[in-house]
Amino acid sequence: MKNKFPEYNTVEYLKNDVELQKEYINELLNDYLNDNNVDAFLSALKPLIKLHGSISEFAEKTGINRTYFYKLFKKQVKPELPTIVLIIKNLGFDIEFNLHLAKK
């Protein structure tokens, strides 16, 4: 007999906890900076965008073309840092950079 586990729903998990959303984005950014995997970063960011409505609604809010968002999530384009910052700011967060000496 096969066990059926409920599907994990990131949107439901994050929707009522802004502090958790902030920590989630921080971890995504740190992972992205460490492994440079923009595809994983964008896939993980998509549930937060969905908290703000549809992709079309969020695109309108950010001033970024809706088609560009769909291309991002289909891995057809790579965002530049200003685009990532704009997306995060429109999710309701500010970005603050802290420099640390690299470990050798």
C-alpha atoms as a PDB file:
ATOM      1  CA  MET A   1       0.000   0.000   0.000  1.00  0.00           C
ATOM      2  CA  LYS A   2       1.324   3.404  -0.972  1.00  0.00           C
ATOM      3  CA  ASN A   3       1.384   6.161   1.629  1.00  0.00           C
ATOM      4  CA  LYS A   4      -0.012   9.446   0.416  1.00  0.00           C
ATOM      5  CA  PHE A   5       1.552  12.507   1.919  1.00  0.00           C
ATOM      6  CA  PRO A   6      -0.093  15.891   1.605  1.00  0.00           C
ATOM      7  CA  GLU A   7       1.516  18.156  -0.945  1.00  0.00           C
ATOM      8  CA  TYR A   8       3.631  20.880   0.648  1.00  0.00           C
ATOM      9  CA  ASN A   9       2.179  24.298  -0.077  1.00  0.00           C
ATOM     10  CA  THR A  10       4.748  27.058   0.408  1.00  0.00           C
ATOM     11  CA  VAL A  11       2.168  29.796  -0.204  1.00  0.00           C
ATOM     12  CA  GLU A  12      -0.042  28.536   2.635  1.00  0.00           C
ATOM     13  CA  TYR A  13       2.956  28.145   4.934  1.00  0.00           C
ATOM     14  CA  LEU A  14       4.191  31.714   4.378  1.00  0.00           C
ATOM     15  CA  LYS A  15       0.986  33.675   3.865  1.00  0.00           C
ATOM     16  CA  ASN A  16       0.294  34.906   7.411  1.00  0.00           C
ATOM     17  CA  ASP A  17       3.821  35.353   8.727  1.00  0.00           C
ATOM     18  CA  VAL A  18       5.760  38.365   7.423  1.00  0.00           C
ATOM     19  CA  GLU A  19       8.763  37.589   9.614  1.00  0.00           C
ATOM     20  CA  LEU A  20       8.932  34.085   8.144  1.00  0.00           C
ATOM     21  CA  GLN A  21       8.668  35.573   4.651  1.00  0.00           C
ATOM     22  CA  LYS A  22      11.609  37.841   5.445  1.00  0.00           C
ATOM     23  CA  GLU A  23      13.716  34.938   6.686  1.00  0.00           C
ATOM     24  CA  TYR A  24      12.715  32.891   3.642  1.00  0.00           C
ATOM     25  CA  ILE A  25      13.918  35.647   1.287  1.00  0.00           C
ATOM     26  CA  ASN A  26      17.143  36.065   3.286  1.00  0.00           C
ATOM     27  CA  GLU A  27      17.882  32.356   2.947  1.00  0.00           C
ATOM     28  CA  LEU A  28      17.051  32.420  -0.764  1.00  0.00           C
ATOM     29  CA  LEU A  29      19.435  35.337  -1.314  1.00  0.00           C
ATOM     30  CA  ASN A  30      22.222  33.720   0.706  1.00  0.00           C
ATOM     31  CA  ASP A  31      21.817  30.433  -1.168  1.00  0.00           C
ATOM     32  CA  TYR A  32      21.826  32.294  -4.474  1.00  0.00           C
ATOM     33  CA  LEU A  33      25.003  34.188  -3.519  1.00  0.00           C
ATOM     34  CA  ASN A  34      26.685  30.942  -2.454  1.00  0.00           C
ATOM     35  CA  ASP A  35      25.765  28.709  -5.385  1.00  0.00           C
ATOM     36  CA  ASN A  36      24.801  31.241  -8.099  1.00  0.00           C
ATOM     37  CA  ASN A  37      21.759  29.121  -9.010  1.00  0.00           C
ATOM     38  CA  VAL A  38      19.335  31.766 -10.243  1.00  0.00           C
ATOM     39  CA  ASP A  39      16.822  29.133 -11.373  1.00  0.00           C
ATOM     40  CA  ALA A  40      16.458  27.710  -7.867  1.00  0.00           C
ATOM     41  CA  PHE A  41      16.217  31.242  -6.475  1.00  0.00           C
ATOM     42  CA  LEU A  42      13.409  32.222  -8.859  1.00  0.00           C
ATOM     43  CA  SER A  43      11.509  28.968  -8.340  1.00  0.00           C
ATOM     44  CA  ALA A  44      11.592  29.530  -4.600  1.00  0.00           C
ATOM     45  CA  LEU A  45      10.595  33.187  -4.971  1.00  0.00           C
ATOM     46  CA  LYS A  46       7.490  32.404  -7.038  1.00  0.00           C
ATOM     47  CA  PRO A  47       5.302  31.417  -4.024  1.00  0.00           C
ATOM     48  CA  LEU A  48       5.953  34.812  -2.433  1.00  0.00           C
ATOM     49  CA  ILE A  49       4.898  36.536  -5.619  1.00  0.00           C
ATOM     50  CA  LYS A  50       1.692  34.479  -5.616  1.00  0.00           C
ATOM     51  CA  LEU A  51       0.901  35.860  -2.162  1.00  0.00           C
ATOM     52  CA  HIS A  52       0.424  39.202  -3.909  1.00  0.00           C
ATOM     53  CA  GLY A  53      -2.051  37.883  -6.468  1.00  0.00           C
ATOM     54  CA  SER A  54      -1.440  36.608  -9.950  1.00  0.00           C
ATOM     55  CA  ILE A  55       1.782  37.014 -11.874  1.00  0.00           C
ATOM     56  CA  SER A  56      -0.017  39.573 -14.057  1.00  0.00           C
ATOM     57  CA  GLU A  57      -1.073  41.631 -11.037  1.00  0.00           C
ATOM     58  CA  PHE A  58       2.415  41.525  -9.561  1.00  0.00           C
ATOM     59  CA  ALA A  59       3.974  42.435 -12.913  1.00  0.00           C
ATOM     60  CA  GLU A  60       1.717  45.472 -13.146  1.00  0.00           C
ATOM     61  CA  LYS A  61       2.621  46.467  -9.589  1.00  0.00           C
ATOM     62  CA  THR A  62       6.365  46.266 -10.306  1.00  0.00           C
ATOM     63  CA  GLY A  63       6.219  47.832 -13.747  1.00  0.00           C
ATOM     64  CA  ILE A  64       7.928  44.763 -15.191  1.00  0.00           C
ATOM     65  CA  ASN A  65       6.388  43.240 -18.296  1.00  0.00           C
ATOM     66  CA  ARG A  66       4.219  40.197 -17.498  1.00  0.00           C
ATOM     67  CA  THR A  67       5.824  38.252 -20.331  1.00  0.00           C
ATOM     68  CA  TYR A  68       9.220  38.837 -18.726  1.00  0.00           C
ATOM     69  CA  PHE A  69       7.998  37.150 -15.516  1.00  0.00           C
ATOM     70  CA  TYR A  70       6.777  34.133 -17.431  1.00  0.00           C
ATOM     71  CA  LYS A  71      10.125  33.927 -19.216  1.00  0.00           C
ATOM     72  CA  LEU A  72      11.890  34.145 -15.836  1.00  0.00           C
ATOM     73  CA  PHE A  73       9.962  31.211 -14.442  1.00  0.00           C
ATOM     74  CA  LYS A  74      10.464  29.196 -17.638  1.00  0.00           C
ATOM     75  CA  LYS A  75      14.218  29.846 -17.336  1.00  0.00           C
ATOM     76  CA  GLN A  76      14.340  31.668 -20.666  1.00  0.00           C
ATOM     77  CA  VAL A  77      15.906  34.844 -19.243  1.00  0.00           C
ATOM     78  CA  LYS A  78      18.215  35.609 -16.330  1.00  0.00           C
ATOM     79  CA  PRO A  79      17.383  38.612 -14.153  1.00  0.00           C
ATOM     80  CA  GLU A  80      19.910  41.283 -13.361  1.00  0.00           C
ATOM     81  CA  LEU A  81      20.431  42.472  -9.790  1.00  0.00           C
ATOM     82  CA  PRO A  82      18.246  45.609 -10.193  1.00  0.00           C
ATOM     83  CA  THR A  83      15.343  43.383 -11.295  1.00  0.00           C
ATOM     84  CA  ILE A  84      15.776  41.086  -8.286  1.00  0.00           C
ATOM     85  CA  VAL A  85      15.903  44.118  -5.984  1.00  0.00           C
ATOM     86  CA  LEU A  86      12.751  45.556  -7.603  1.00  0.00           C
ATOM     87  CA  ILE A  87      10.894  42.268  -7.143  1.00  0.00           C
ATOM     88  CA  ILE A  88      11.897  41.982  -3.485  1.00  0.00           C
ATOM     89  CA  LYS A  89      10.987  45.618  -2.800  1.00  0.00           C
ATOM     90  CA  ASN A  90       7.553  45.047  -4.339  1.00  0.00           C
ATOM     91  CA  LEU A  91       7.121  42.047  -2.052  1.00  0.00           C
ATOM     92  CA  GLY A  92       7.305  44.620   0.743  1.00  0.00           C
ATOM     93  CA  PHE A  93      10.916  44.237   1.848  1.00  0.00           C
ATOM     94  CA  ASP A  94      14.016  46.414   1.729  1.00  0.00           C
ATOM     95  CA  ILE A  95      17.421  44.983   0.988  1.00  0.00           C
ATOM     96  CA  GLU A  96      20.434  45.785   3.098  1.00  0.00           C
ATOM     97  CA  PHE A  97      23.880  44.521   2.156  1.00  0.00           C
ATOM     98  CA  ASN A  98      26.516  43.597   4.725  1.00  0.00           C
ATOM     99  CA  LEU A  99      30.063  42.878   3.662  1.00  0.00           C
ATOM    100  CA  HIS A 100      32.110  40.237   5.448  1.00  0.00           C
ATOM    101  CA  LEU A 101      35.667  39.137   4.887  1.00  0.00           C
ATOM    102  CA  ALA A 102      35.740  36.021   2.757  1.00  0.00           C
ATOM    103  CA  LYS A 103      36.909  32.849   4.444  1.00  0.00           C
ATOM    104  CA  LYS A 104      40.074  31.398   2.939  1.00  0.00           C
END
